[in-house]
Amino acid sequence: MIFAWVVMPEHVHLLVMPPSWEVARFFVEQLKSGFAKRILREWRASAHPLMASCGTAAGAAAFWQPGGGYDRLVRDDEELREKIEYTHHNPVKRGLVQRAEDWEWSSARWYAGDRAGGVTVDRVPW
């Protein structure tokens, strides 16, 4: 279940709830692995300039930053609301737009009532 998302120029925020706790780790690993492989494949094929910065010290291709990212368990509705607001506010904080719902690559528009767009939100948690 998708609660919120935003695609920034150099990173992504995605708040999701997997179908059960048992699959949570598997879900995140598969999601991140599949996404990274696809992007790296496309960037290699197009000789994208960012490929030069996508490598480890040993020379292997790496899309995600070292350390596993910021995968976290949200414990209650208050924390979920905080994470959704933080996610949506990212483009504003960076000075990319004046209002969160002005950023095209975000679920903030969905929360503001605009249901057009590619990735929808499954439900508002409150």
N, C-alpha and C. Protein backbone atom coordinates (compact mmCIF):
# COMPACT_ATOMS: atom_id res chain seq x y z
N MET A 1 0.84 -1.17 0.00
CA MET A 1 0.00 0.00 0.00
C MET A 1 0.89 1.24 0.00
N ILE A 2 0.67 2.13 -0.94
CA ILE A 2 1.45 3.36 -1.03
C ILE A 2 0.75 4.47 -0.26
N PHE A 3 1.48 5.12 0.65
CA PHE A 3 0.96 6.26 1.39
C PHE A 3 1.43 7.59 0.82
N ALA A 4 2.70 7.66 0.41
CA ALA A 4 3.24 8.92 -0.12
C ALA A 4 4.53 8.64 -0.87
N TRP A 5 4.84 9.55 -1.80
CA TRP A 5 6.08 9.42 -2.57
C TRP A 5 6.49 10.78 -3.11
N VAL A 6 7.77 10.92 -3.38
CA VAL A 6 8.30 12.08 -4.07
C VAL A 6 9.61 11.66 -4.74
N VAL A 7 9.79 12.10 -5.98
CA VAL A 7 11.02 11.86 -6.71
C VAL A 7 11.76 13.19 -6.78
N MET A 8 12.94 13.22 -6.18
CA MET A 8 13.78 14.40 -6.17
C MET A 8 14.86 14.24 -7.24
N PRO A 9 15.61 15.29 -7.54
CA PRO A 9 16.64 15.17 -8.59
C PRO A 9 17.67 14.08 -8.32
N GLU A 10 17.99 13.80 -7.04
CA GLU A 10 19.01 12.81 -6.76
C GLU A 10 18.61 11.75 -5.73
N HIS A 11 17.35 11.74 -5.33
CA HIS A 11 16.89 10.70 -4.41
C HIS A 11 15.37 10.57 -4.47
N VAL A 12 14.87 9.53 -3.83
CA VAL A 12 13.45 9.20 -3.85
C VAL A 12 12.99 8.96 -2.42
N HIS A 13 11.77 9.40 -2.10
CA HIS A 13 11.11 9.05 -0.84
C HIS A 13 9.88 8.23 -1.19
N LEU A 14 9.69 7.11 -0.52
CA LEU A 14 8.54 6.24 -0.76
C LEU A 14 8.07 5.69 0.57
N LEU A 15 6.84 6.01 0.94
CA LEU A 15 6.24 5.47 2.15
C LEU A 15 5.25 4.39 1.75
N VAL A 16 5.58 3.16 2.07
CA VAL A 16 4.74 2.03 1.69
C VAL A 16 4.51 1.13 2.89
N MET A 17 3.42 0.36 2.84
CA MET A 17 3.16 -0.65 3.84
C MET A 17 3.06 -1.99 3.11
N PRO A 18 4.01 -2.89 3.36
CA PRO A 18 3.94 -4.20 2.72
C PRO A 18 2.77 -5.00 3.28
N PRO A 19 2.36 -6.05 2.57
CA PRO A 19 1.19 -6.82 3.01
C PRO A 19 1.34 -7.47 4.38
N SER A 20 2.55 -7.75 4.82
CA SER A 20 2.75 -8.31 6.16
C SER A 20 4.17 -8.01 6.61
N TRP A 21 4.40 -8.09 7.92
CA TRP A 21 5.72 -7.82 8.46
C TRP A 21 6.76 -8.78 7.90
N GLU A 22 6.38 -10.03 7.68
CA GLU A 22 7.31 -11.05 7.21
C GLU A 22 7.91 -10.71 5.86
N VAL A 23 7.14 -10.00 5.02
CA VAL A 23 7.65 -9.68 3.69
C VAL A 23 8.25 -8.28 3.61
N ALA A 24 8.24 -7.54 4.69
CA ALA A 24 8.71 -6.16 4.64
C ALA A 24 10.14 -6.04 4.15
N ARG A 25 11.05 -6.77 4.75
CA ARG A 25 12.46 -6.69 4.34
C ARG A 25 12.63 -7.15 2.91
N PHE A 26 12.02 -8.26 2.56
CA PHE A 26 12.10 -8.78 1.19
C PHE A 26 11.56 -7.75 0.20
N PHE A 27 10.43 -7.15 0.54
CA PHE A 27 9.78 -6.16 -0.33
C PHE A 27 10.73 -4.99 -0.62
N VAL A 28 11.32 -4.43 0.43
CA VAL A 28 12.21 -3.28 0.26
C VAL A 28 13.44 -3.69 -0.55
N GLU A 29 14.03 -4.84 -0.23
CA GLU A 29 15.22 -5.28 -0.96
C GLU A 29 14.90 -5.49 -2.44
N GLN A 30 13.79 -6.13 -2.75
CA GLN A 30 13.42 -6.38 -4.13
C GLN A 30 13.07 -5.08 -4.87
N LEU A 31 12.35 -4.20 -4.22
CA LEU A 31 11.99 -2.92 -4.82
C LEU A 31 13.24 -2.13 -5.17
N LYS A 32 14.13 -1.98 -4.20
CA LYS A 32 15.33 -1.20 -4.42
C LYS A 32 16.27 -1.86 -5.43
N SER A 33 16.40 -3.16 -5.35
CA SER A 33 17.29 -3.87 -6.27
C SER A 33 16.79 -3.76 -7.71
N GLY A 34 15.51 -4.01 -7.91
CA GLY A 34 14.93 -3.93 -9.26
C GLY A 34 15.04 -2.53 -9.84
N PHE A 35 14.76 -1.53 -9.02
CA PHE A 35 14.83 -0.14 -9.48
C PHE A 35 16.26 0.21 -9.88
N ALA A 36 17.22 -0.14 -9.02
CA ALA A 36 18.62 0.19 -9.29
C ALA A 36 19.11 -0.50 -10.56
N LYS A 37 18.79 -1.76 -10.73
CA LYS A 37 19.22 -2.49 -11.93
C LYS A 37 18.65 -1.85 -13.19
N ARG A 38 17.39 -1.47 -13.14
CA ARG A 38 16.76 -0.86 -14.33
C ARG A 38 17.41 0.49 -14.68
N ILE A 39 17.60 1.33 -13.67
CA ILE A 39 18.19 2.64 -13.92
C ILE A 39 19.62 2.49 -14.43
N LEU A 40 20.43 1.64 -13.80
CA LEU A 40 21.81 1.45 -14.24
C LEU A 40 21.87 0.91 -15.66
N ARG A 41 20.98 -0.01 -16.00
CA ARG A 41 20.93 -0.57 -17.36
C ARG A 41 20.61 0.54 -18.38
N GLU A 42 19.61 1.36 -18.05
CA GLU A 42 19.23 2.46 -18.96
C GLU A 42 20.35 3.50 -19.08
N TRP A 43 20.99 3.81 -17.96
CA TRP A 43 22.06 4.80 -17.99
C TRP A 43 23.27 4.28 -18.77
N ARG A 44 23.59 2.99 -18.61
CA ARG A 44 24.70 2.43 -19.40
C ARG A 44 24.39 2.50 -20.89
N ALA A 45 23.18 2.11 -21.26
CA ALA A 45 22.78 2.08 -22.67
C ALA A 45 22.83 3.46 -23.30
N SER A 46 22.52 4.49 -22.54
CA SER A 46 22.50 5.85 -23.09
C SER A 46 23.79 6.63 -22.80
N ALA A 47 24.77 5.96 -22.19
CA ALA A 47 26.02 6.62 -21.80
C ALA A 47 25.74 7.87 -20.97
N HIS A 48 24.80 7.75 -20.05
CA HIS A 48 24.41 8.87 -19.19
C HIS A 48 25.60 9.34 -18.36
N PRO A 49 25.80 10.67 -18.26
CA PRO A 49 26.94 11.19 -17.51
C PRO A 49 26.95 10.83 -16.02
N LEU A 50 25.79 10.54 -15.44
CA LEU A 50 25.75 10.18 -14.02
C LEU A 50 26.36 8.80 -13.75
N MET A 51 26.56 7.98 -14.78
CA MET A 51 27.17 6.67 -14.57
C MET A 51 28.57 6.82 -13.98
N ALA A 52 29.25 7.89 -14.28
CA ALA A 52 30.60 8.10 -13.76
C ALA A 52 30.61 8.22 -12.23
N SER A 53 29.50 8.64 -11.64
CA SER A 53 29.44 8.78 -10.19
C SER A 53 28.75 7.60 -9.50
N CYS A 54 28.41 6.57 -10.26
CA CYS A 54 27.70 5.41 -9.70
C CYS A 54 28.63 4.22 -9.59
N GLY A 55 29.62 4.32 -8.73
CA GLY A 55 30.54 3.20 -8.58
C GLY A 55 31.10 3.10 -7.18
N THR A 56 31.56 1.91 -6.85
CA THR A 56 32.20 1.67 -5.56
C THR A 56 33.70 1.85 -5.71
N ALA A 57 34.43 1.83 -4.60
CA ALA A 57 35.89 1.95 -4.64
C ALA A 57 36.51 0.79 -5.42
N ALA A 58 35.83 -0.35 -5.43
CA ALA A 58 36.33 -1.53 -6.14
C ALA A 58 35.98 -1.49 -7.64
N GLY A 59 35.22 -0.47 -8.06
CA GLY A 59 34.89 -0.34 -9.47
C GLY A 59 33.56 -0.93 -9.89
N ALA A 60 32.81 -1.50 -8.97
CA ALA A 60 31.50 -2.06 -9.31
C ALA A 60 30.47 -0.94 -9.39
N ALA A 61 29.46 -1.14 -10.23
CA ALA A 61 28.38 -0.16 -10.34
C ALA A 61 27.51 -0.22 -9.08
N ALA A 62 27.12 0.94 -8.57
CA ALA A 62 26.27 1.03 -7.39
C ALA A 62 25.35 2.23 -7.53
N PHE A 63 24.06 2.00 -7.40
CA PHE A 63 23.10 3.09 -7.53
C PHE A 63 22.83 3.76 -6.19
N TRP A 64 22.59 2.95 -5.14
CA TRP A 64 22.23 3.48 -3.82
C TRP A 64 23.47 3.89 -3.06
N GLN A 65 23.33 4.86 -2.17
CA GLN A 65 24.42 5.27 -1.31
C GLN A 65 24.77 4.15 -0.35
N PRO A 66 26.02 4.07 0.10
CA PRO A 66 26.39 3.02 1.07
C PRO A 66 25.59 3.18 2.36
N GLY A 67 25.36 2.08 3.03
CA GLY A 67 24.72 2.12 4.33
C GLY A 67 23.27 1.68 4.34
N GLY A 68 22.71 1.31 3.21
CA GLY A 68 21.37 0.75 3.20
C GLY A 68 20.24 1.75 3.14
N GLY A 69 20.54 3.04 3.07
CA GLY A 69 19.48 4.02 2.95
C GLY A 69 18.82 4.32 4.27
N TYR A 70 17.62 4.82 4.18
CA TYR A 70 16.89 5.24 5.37
C TYR A 70 15.58 4.46 5.46
N ASP A 71 15.68 3.14 5.44
CA ASP A 71 14.50 2.30 5.57
C ASP A 71 14.12 2.25 7.04
N ARG A 72 12.89 2.63 7.35
CA ARG A 72 12.46 2.70 8.75
C ARG A 72 11.05 2.16 8.92
N LEU A 73 10.77 1.71 10.13
CA LEU A 73 9.44 1.26 10.51
C LEU A 73 8.71 2.43 11.16
N VAL A 74 7.53 2.77 10.64
CA VAL A 74 6.71 3.83 11.21
C VAL A 74 5.77 3.18 12.21
N ARG A 75 5.73 3.72 13.42
CA ARG A 75 5.05 3.03 14.51
C ARG A 75 3.60 3.43 14.78
N ASP A 76 3.19 4.64 14.36
CA ASP A 76 1.81 5.04 14.63
C ASP A 76 1.36 6.10 13.62
N ASP A 77 0.07 6.47 13.68
CA ASP A 77 -0.48 7.43 12.72
C ASP A 77 0.18 8.80 12.81
N GLU A 78 0.54 9.22 14.00
CA GLU A 78 1.20 10.52 14.16
C GLU A 78 2.55 10.54 13.44
N GLU A 79 3.32 9.48 13.61
CA GLU A 79 4.61 9.40 12.92
C GLU A 79 4.42 9.28 11.41
N LEU A 80 3.40 8.55 10.98
CA LEU A 80 3.11 8.42 9.55
C LEU A 80 2.78 9.79 8.96
N ARG A 81 1.93 10.55 9.63
CA ARG A 81 1.59 11.91 9.16
C ARG A 81 2.84 12.76 9.06
N GLU A 82 3.71 12.68 10.05
CA GLU A 82 4.97 13.45 10.05
C GLU A 82 5.83 13.06 8.84
N LYS A 83 5.94 11.77 8.56
CA LYS A 83 6.76 11.31 7.44
C LYS A 83 6.16 11.73 6.09
N ILE A 84 4.84 11.69 6.00
CA ILE A 84 4.18 12.12 4.76
C ILE A 84 4.43 13.61 4.53
N GLU A 85 4.26 14.42 5.57
CA GLU A 85 4.50 15.86 5.44
C GLU A 85 5.96 16.15 5.10
N TYR A 86 6.88 15.43 5.73
CA TYR A 86 8.30 15.61 5.44
C TYR A 86 8.57 15.26 3.97
N THR A 87 8.02 14.15 3.52
CA THR A 87 8.20 13.70 2.13
C THR A 87 7.70 14.76 1.16
N HIS A 88 6.50 15.23 1.37
CA HIS A 88 5.90 16.21 0.47
C HIS A 88 6.62 17.56 0.52
N HIS A 89 7.19 17.91 1.65
CA HIS A 89 7.83 19.22 1.81
C HIS A 89 9.24 19.26 1.22
N ASN A 90 9.82 18.11 0.87
CA ASN A 90 11.19 18.06 0.35
C ASN A 90 11.45 19.03 -0.80
N PRO A 91 10.62 19.07 -1.85
CA PRO A 91 10.89 20.00 -2.95
C PRO A 91 10.79 21.47 -2.54
N VAL A 92 9.94 21.78 -1.56
CA VAL A 92 9.81 23.16 -1.06
C VAL A 92 11.08 23.52 -0.30
N LYS A 93 11.51 22.64 0.57
CA LYS A 93 12.72 22.87 1.36
C LYS A 93 13.93 23.11 0.47
N ARG A 94 13.99 22.42 -0.66
CA ARG A 94 15.11 22.57 -1.59
C ARG A 94 14.96 23.78 -2.51
N GLY A 95 13.82 24.48 -2.42
CA GLY A 95 13.62 25.66 -3.25
C GLY A 95 13.23 25.35 -4.68
N LEU A 96 12.73 24.14 -4.94
CA LEU A 96 12.34 23.74 -6.29
C LEU A 96 10.94 24.23 -6.64
N VAL A 97 10.09 24.42 -5.64
CA VAL A 97 8.73 24.93 -5.83
C VAL A 97 8.34 25.73 -4.59
N GLN A 98 7.27 26.52 -4.72
CA GLN A 98 6.77 27.30 -3.59
C GLN A 98 5.87 26.47 -2.67
N ARG A 99 5.07 25.58 -3.30
CA ARG A 99 4.12 24.75 -2.54
C ARG A 99 4.36 23.29 -2.91
N ALA A 100 4.19 22.39 -1.96
CA ALA A 100 4.45 20.96 -2.19
C ALA A 100 3.65 20.43 -3.38
N GLU A 101 2.40 20.86 -3.50
CA GLU A 101 1.56 20.33 -4.58
C GLU A 101 1.96 20.86 -5.97
N ASP A 102 2.88 21.81 -6.02
CA ASP A 102 3.39 22.30 -7.30
C ASP A 102 4.45 21.37 -7.90
N TRP A 103 5.01 20.47 -7.09
CA TRP A 103 6.03 19.55 -7.57
C TRP A 103 5.34 18.39 -8.29
N GLU A 104 5.61 18.25 -9.56
CA GLU A 104 4.92 17.28 -10.42
C GLU A 104 5.16 15.83 -10.01
N TRP A 105 6.33 15.53 -9.46
CA TRP A 105 6.73 14.15 -9.17
C TRP A 105 6.54 13.84 -7.69
N SER A 106 5.31 13.95 -7.22
CA SER A 106 5.01 13.78 -5.81
C SER A 106 3.55 13.43 -5.61
N SER A 107 3.26 12.75 -4.52
CA SER A 107 1.87 12.46 -4.17
C SER A 107 1.21 13.64 -3.47
N ALA A 108 1.93 14.73 -3.27
CA ALA A 108 1.33 15.92 -2.62
C ALA A 108 0.13 16.41 -3.42
N ARG A 109 0.19 16.32 -4.74
CA ARG A 109 -0.95 16.73 -5.57
C ARG A 109 -2.18 15.87 -5.25
N TRP A 110 -1.96 14.57 -5.09
CA TRP A 110 -3.05 13.65 -4.78
C TRP A 110 -3.70 14.07 -3.45
N TYR A 111 -2.87 14.37 -2.45
CA TYR A 111 -3.39 14.79 -1.15
C TYR A 111 -4.13 16.11 -1.24
N ALA A 112 -3.74 16.96 -2.21
CA ALA A 112 -4.39 18.25 -2.39
C ALA A 112 -5.68 18.14 -3.21
N GLY A 113 -6.01 16.92 -3.69
CA GLY A 113 -7.25 16.72 -4.42
C GLY A 113 -7.11 16.49 -5.91
N ASP A 114 -5.91 16.62 -6.46
CA ASP A 114 -5.67 16.41 -7.89
C ASP A 114 -5.37 14.94 -8.11
N ARG A 115 -6.34 14.20 -8.65
CA ARG A 115 -6.19 12.75 -8.82
C ARG A 115 -5.57 12.36 -10.16
N ALA A 116 -5.21 13.33 -10.99
CA ALA A 116 -4.54 13.04 -12.25
C ALA A 116 -3.07 12.72 -11.96
N GLY A 117 -2.46 11.96 -12.82
CA GLY A 117 -1.04 11.66 -12.65
C GLY A 117 -0.77 10.18 -12.67
N GLY A 118 0.50 9.84 -12.64
CA GLY A 118 0.93 8.47 -12.82
C GLY A 118 0.74 7.56 -11.62
N VAL A 119 1.38 7.87 -10.51
CA VAL A 119 1.35 7.00 -9.34
C VAL A 119 0.36 7.56 -8.34
N THR A 120 -0.63 6.77 -7.99
CA THR A 120 -1.63 7.23 -7.05
C THR A 120 -1.32 6.73 -5.64
N VAL A 121 -2.05 7.23 -4.69
CA VAL A 121 -1.94 6.82 -3.30
C VAL A 121 -3.11 5.88 -3.03
N ASP A 122 -2.84 4.80 -2.30
CA ASP A 122 -3.91 3.83 -2.04
C ASP A 122 -4.98 4.35 -1.10
N ARG A 123 -4.56 5.11 -0.08
CA ARG A 123 -5.53 5.72 0.81
C ARG A 123 -4.84 6.73 1.70
N VAL A 124 -5.58 7.72 2.10
CA VAL A 124 -5.07 8.68 3.09
C VAL A 124 -5.28 8.03 4.46
N PRO A 125 -4.25 7.97 5.29
CA PRO A 125 -4.35 7.22 6.54
C PRO A 125 -5.15 7.89 7.64
N TRP A 126 -5.71 9.08 7.43
CA TRP A 126 -6.52 9.73 8.48
C TRP A 126 -7.78 10.27 7.92
